[in-house]
C-alpha atoms as a PDB file:
ATOM      1  CA  GLN A   1     -41.198-236.774  44.864  1.00  0.00           C
ATOM      2  CA  VAL A   2     -40.256-236.512  41.209  1.00  0.00           C
ATOM      3  CA  GLN A   3     -39.522-232.930  40.239  1.00  0.00           C
ATOM      4  CA  LEU A   4     -38.532-231.307  36.956  1.00  0.00           C
ATOM      5  CA  VAL A   5     -36.848-227.910  37.136  1.00  0.00           C
ATOM      6  CA  GLN A   6     -36.317-225.998  33.914  1.00  0.00           C
ATOM      7  CA  SER A   7     -33.830-223.283  33.040  1.00  0.00           C
ATOM      8  CA  GLY A   8     -32.906-221.262  29.978  1.00  0.00           C
ATOM      9  CA  GLY A   9     -35.000-219.322  27.525  1.00  0.00           C
ATOM     10  CA  GLY A  10     -35.550-215.603  27.355  1.00  0.00           C
ATOM     11  CA  LEU A  11     -35.640-212.978  24.618  1.00  0.00           C
ATOM     12  CA  MET A  12     -33.500-213.453  21.525  1.00  0.00           C
ATOM     13  CA  GLN A  13     -33.312-212.542  17.863  1.00  0.00           C
ATOM     14  CA  ALA A  14     -34.326-214.750  14.962  1.00  0.00           C
ATOM     15  CA  GLY A  15     -31.585-216.986  13.638  1.00  0.00           C
ATOM     16  CA  VAL A  16     -29.750-217.533  16.907  1.00  0.00           C
ATOM     17  CA  SER A  17     -29.326-220.775  18.821  1.00  0.00           C
ATOM     18  CA  THR A  18     -30.032-221.569  22.440  1.00  0.00           C
ATOM     19  CA  SER A  19     -30.598-224.487  24.767  1.00  0.00           C
ATOM     20  CA  LEU A  20     -33.201-225.309  27.385  1.00  0.00           C
ATOM     21  CA  SER A  21     -32.517-227.668  30.258  1.00  0.00           C
ATOM     22  CA  CYS A  22     -34.705-229.813  32.486  1.00  0.00           C
ATOM     23  CA  ALA A  23     -33.084-231.151  35.651  1.00  0.00           C
ATOM     24  CA  VAL A  24     -34.862-234.152  37.147  1.00  0.00           C
ATOM     25  CA  SER A  25     -34.767-235.175  40.787  1.00  0.00           C
ATOM     26  CA  GLY A  26     -36.403-238.110  42.522  1.00  0.00           C
ATOM     27  CA  ARG A  27     -35.974-240.530  39.634  1.00  0.00           C
ATOM     28  CA  SER A  28     -33.308-241.401  37.110  1.00  0.00           C
ATOM     29  CA  ILE A  29     -34.102-240.261  33.578  1.00  0.00           C
ATOM     30  CA  SER A  30     -32.710-243.581  32.416  1.00  0.00           C
ATOM     31  CA  GLY A  31     -35.754-245.776  31.847  1.00  0.00           C
ATOM     32  CA  THR A  32     -38.002-242.722  31.581  1.00  0.00           C
ATOM     33  CA  ALA A  33     -39.782-241.482  28.479  1.00  0.00           C
ATOM     34  CA  MET A  34     -39.254-237.734  28.166  1.00  0.00           C
ATOM     35  CA  ALA A  35     -40.452-234.959  25.911  1.00  0.00           C
ATOM     36  CA  TRP A  36     -40.730-231.251  25.233  1.00  0.00           C
ATOM     37  CA  PHE A  37     -43.993-229.453  24.542  1.00  0.00           C
ATOM     38  CA  ARG A  38     -44.729-225.795  23.900  1.00  0.00           C
ATOM     39  CA  GLN A  39     -47.723-223.505  24.150  1.00  0.00           C
ATOM     40  CA  ALA A  40     -48.121-220.159  22.423  1.00  0.00           C
ATOM     41  CA  PRO A  41     -50.682-217.568  23.582  1.00  0.00           C
ATOM     42  CA  GLY A  42     -54.186-218.560  22.530  1.00  0.00           C
ATOM     43  CA  ARG A  43     -53.083-221.944  21.229  1.00  0.00           C
ATOM     44  CA  GLU A  44     -53.196-225.512  22.478  1.00  0.00           C
ATOM     45  CA  ARG A  45     -50.133-227.169  23.903  1.00  0.00           C
ATOM     46  CA  GLU A  46     -48.267-228.861  21.070  1.00  0.00           C
ATOM     47  CA  PHE A  47     -45.706-231.605  20.826  1.00  0.00           C
ATOM     48  CA  VAL A  48     -42.127-230.573  20.050  1.00  0.00           C
ATOM     49  CA  ALA A  49     -39.838-233.566  20.584  1.00  0.00           C
ATOM     50  CA  SER A  50     -39.563-236.792  22.549  1.00  0.00           C
ATOM     51  CA  THR A  51     -36.984-239.406  23.452  1.00  0.00           C
ATOM     52  CA  SER A  52     -37.786-243.018  24.261  1.00  0.00           C
ATOM     53  CA  TRP A  53     -37.123-244.493  27.677  1.00  0.00           C
ATOM     54  CA  THR A  54     -33.928-246.146  26.422  1.00  0.00           C
ATOM     55  CA  GLY A  55     -32.797-243.065  24.538  1.00  0.00           C
ATOM     56  CA  ASN A  56     -32.581-245.056  21.317  1.00  0.00           C
ATOM     57  CA  LEU A  57     -35.420-243.266  19.526  1.00  0.00           C
ATOM     58  CA  ARG A  58     -36.184-239.602  18.990  1.00  0.00           C
ATOM     59  CA  TYR A  59     -39.218-237.960  17.398  1.00  0.00           C
ATOM     60  CA  TYR A  60     -39.794-234.382  16.316  1.00  0.00           C
ATOM     61  CA  ALA A  61     -42.686-232.254  15.219  1.00  0.00           C
ATOM     62  CA  ASP A  62     -42.461-231.310  11.549  1.00  0.00           C
ATOM     63  CA  SER A  63     -42.183-227.651  12.504  1.00  0.00           C
ATOM     64  CA  VAL A  64     -38.880-228.171  14.340  1.00  0.00           C
ATOM     65  CA  LYS A  65     -37.348-231.181  12.615  1.00  0.00           C
ATOM     66  CA  GLY A  66     -33.848-230.379  11.402  1.00  0.00           C
ATOM     67  CA  ARG A  67     -33.561-227.375  13.730  1.00  0.00           C
ATOM     68  CA  PHE A  68     -34.119-228.741  17.250  1.00  0.00           C
ATOM     69  CA  THR A  69     -32.395-231.629  19.014  1.00  0.00           C
ATOM     70  CA  ILE A  70     -33.605-233.399  22.139  1.00  0.00           C
ATOM     71  CA  ARG A  71     -30.737-234.770  24.193  1.00  0.00           C
ATOM     72  CA  ARG A  72     -30.467-236.828  27.345  1.00  0.00           C
ATOM     73  CA  ALA A  73     -27.512-236.282  29.673  1.00  0.00           C
ATOM     74  CA  ASN A  74     -27.932-239.305  31.907  1.00  0.00           C
ATOM     75  CA  ALA A  75     -24.896-238.576  34.092  1.00  0.00           C
ATOM     76  CA  GLU A  76     -26.417-235.180  34.924  1.00  0.00           C
ATOM     77  CA  ASN A  77     -29.967-236.553  35.073  1.00  0.00           C
ATOM     78  CA  THR A  78     -30.926-233.691  32.790  1.00  0.00           C
ATOM     79  CA  LEU A  79     -32.847-233.350  29.545  1.00  0.00           C
ATOM     80  CA  TYR A  80     -31.929-230.664  27.020  1.00  0.00           C
ATOM     81  CA  LEU A  81     -33.588-229.092  24.027  1.00  0.00           C
ATOM     82  CA  GLU A  82     -31.034-227.597  21.668  1.00  0.00           C
ATOM     83  CA  MET A  83     -32.695-225.041  19.438  1.00  0.00           C
ATOM     84  CA  ASN A  84     -31.070-223.749  16.255  1.00  0.00           C
ATOM     85  CA  SER A  85     -32.177-221.157  13.694  1.00  0.00           C
ATOM     86  CA  LEU A  86     -34.897-219.812  15.944  1.00  0.00           C
ATOM     87  CA  GLN A  87     -37.860-218.168  14.257  1.00  0.00           C
ATOM     88  CA  PRO A  88     -40.617-215.893  15.603  1.00  0.00           C
ATOM     89  CA  GLU A  89     -43.093-218.763  15.307  1.00  0.00           C
ATOM     90  CA  ASP A  90     -41.044-220.630  17.920  1.00  0.00           C
ATOM     91  CA  THR A  91     -42.174-218.108  20.525  1.00  0.00           C
ATOM     92  CA  ALA A  92     -43.957-220.011  23.295  1.00  0.00           C
ATOM     93  CA  VAL A  93     -43.723-221.323  26.823  1.00  0.00           C
ATOM     94  CA  TYR A  94     -41.751-224.546  26.676  1.00  0.00           C
ATOM     95  CA  PHE A  95     -42.415-227.442  29.055  1.00  0.00           C
ATOM     96  CA  CYS A  96     -40.441-230.596  29.699  1.00  0.00           C
ATOM     97  CA  ALA A  97     -42.320-233.745  30.639  1.00  0.00           C
ATOM     98  CA  ALA A  98     -41.498-237.209  31.958  1.00  0.00           C
ATOM     99  CA  GLN A  99     -43.233-240.556  32.247  1.00  0.00           C
ATOM    100  CA  PRO A 100     -41.581-243.560  33.917  1.00  0.00           C
ATOM    101  CA  GLY A 101     -41.341-246.537  31.618  1.00  0.00           C
ATOM    102  CA  ARG A 102     -42.156-247.028  27.970  1.00  0.00           C
ATOM    103  CA  LEU A 103     -44.511-245.043  25.766  1.00  0.00           C
ATOM    104  CA  THR A 104     -45.569-246.006  22.277  1.00  0.00           C
ATOM    105  CA  THR A 105     -44.851-243.688  19.362  1.00  0.00           C
ATOM    106  CA  GLU A 106     -48.450-242.472  19.494  1.00  0.00           C
ATOM    107  CA  GLN A 107     -48.413-241.942  23.257  1.00  0.00           C
ATOM    108  CA  ALA A 108     -45.106-240.084  23.196  1.00  0.00           C
ATOM    109  CA  ARG A 109     -46.729-237.240  21.245  1.00  0.00           C
ATOM    110  CA  ALA A 110     -49.666-236.865  23.639  1.00  0.00           C
ATOM    111  CA  ALA A 111     -49.352-234.518  26.604  1.00  0.00           C
ATOM    112  CA  ASP A 112     -51.909-236.503  28.614  1.00  0.00           C
ATOM    113  CA  GLU A 113     -49.539-239.471  28.751  1.00  0.00           C
ATOM    114  CA  TYR A 114     -46.965-237.646  30.889  1.00  0.00           C
ATOM    115  CA  ASN A 115     -47.383-237.518  34.661  1.00  0.00           C
ATOM    116  CA  TYR A 116     -44.530-235.160  35.537  1.00  0.00           C
ATOM    117  CA  TRP A 117     -43.983-231.657  34.201  1.00  0.00           C
ATOM    118  CA  GLY A 118     -41.531-228.822  34.536  1.00  0.00           C
ATOM    119  CA  GLN A 119     -42.680-225.327  35.452  1.00  0.00           C
ATOM    120  CA  GLY A 120     -42.281-223.984  31.922  1.00  0.00           C
ATOM    121  CA  THR A 121     -39.901-221.403  30.524  1.00  0.00           C
ATOM    122  CA  GLN A 122     -40.598-218.548  28.109  1.00  0.00           C
ATOM    123  CA  VAL A 123     -38.829-218.375  24.762  1.00  0.00           C
ATOM    124  CA  THR A 124     -39.458-215.178  22.812  1.00  0.00           C
ATOM    125  CA  VAL A 125     -37.973-214.757  19.339  1.00  0.00           C
ATOM    126  CA  SER A 126     -38.000-211.347  17.659  1.00  0.00           C
ATOM    127  CA  SER A 127     -37.525-210.754  13.944  1.00  0.00           C
END
């Protein structure tokens, strides 16, 4: 019964900031490893960011490090991806993902390790 419902995204100009959200029902995000992935047309799904099940550790892809922030709002049972200085290469469908329990650093970057997924939301960045 675990469900992830995403919101946010859309069309925006390069250089702006925005935030994506992922509301989780059926399970507390506390004690759950969570992540964001993205997929551009004609490309494989790629890792963006993850947060450990305790929230103590965060990891980012090199392409977004320093620009994006993954944030857990436990009281709202919602995961956010705060995106700054957006660039055209950030254009993709973004997916949130969740896996109850602990994932290793290696596993946290692998889409196959996550059992629950949001529906995806389009982010389009124009120059």
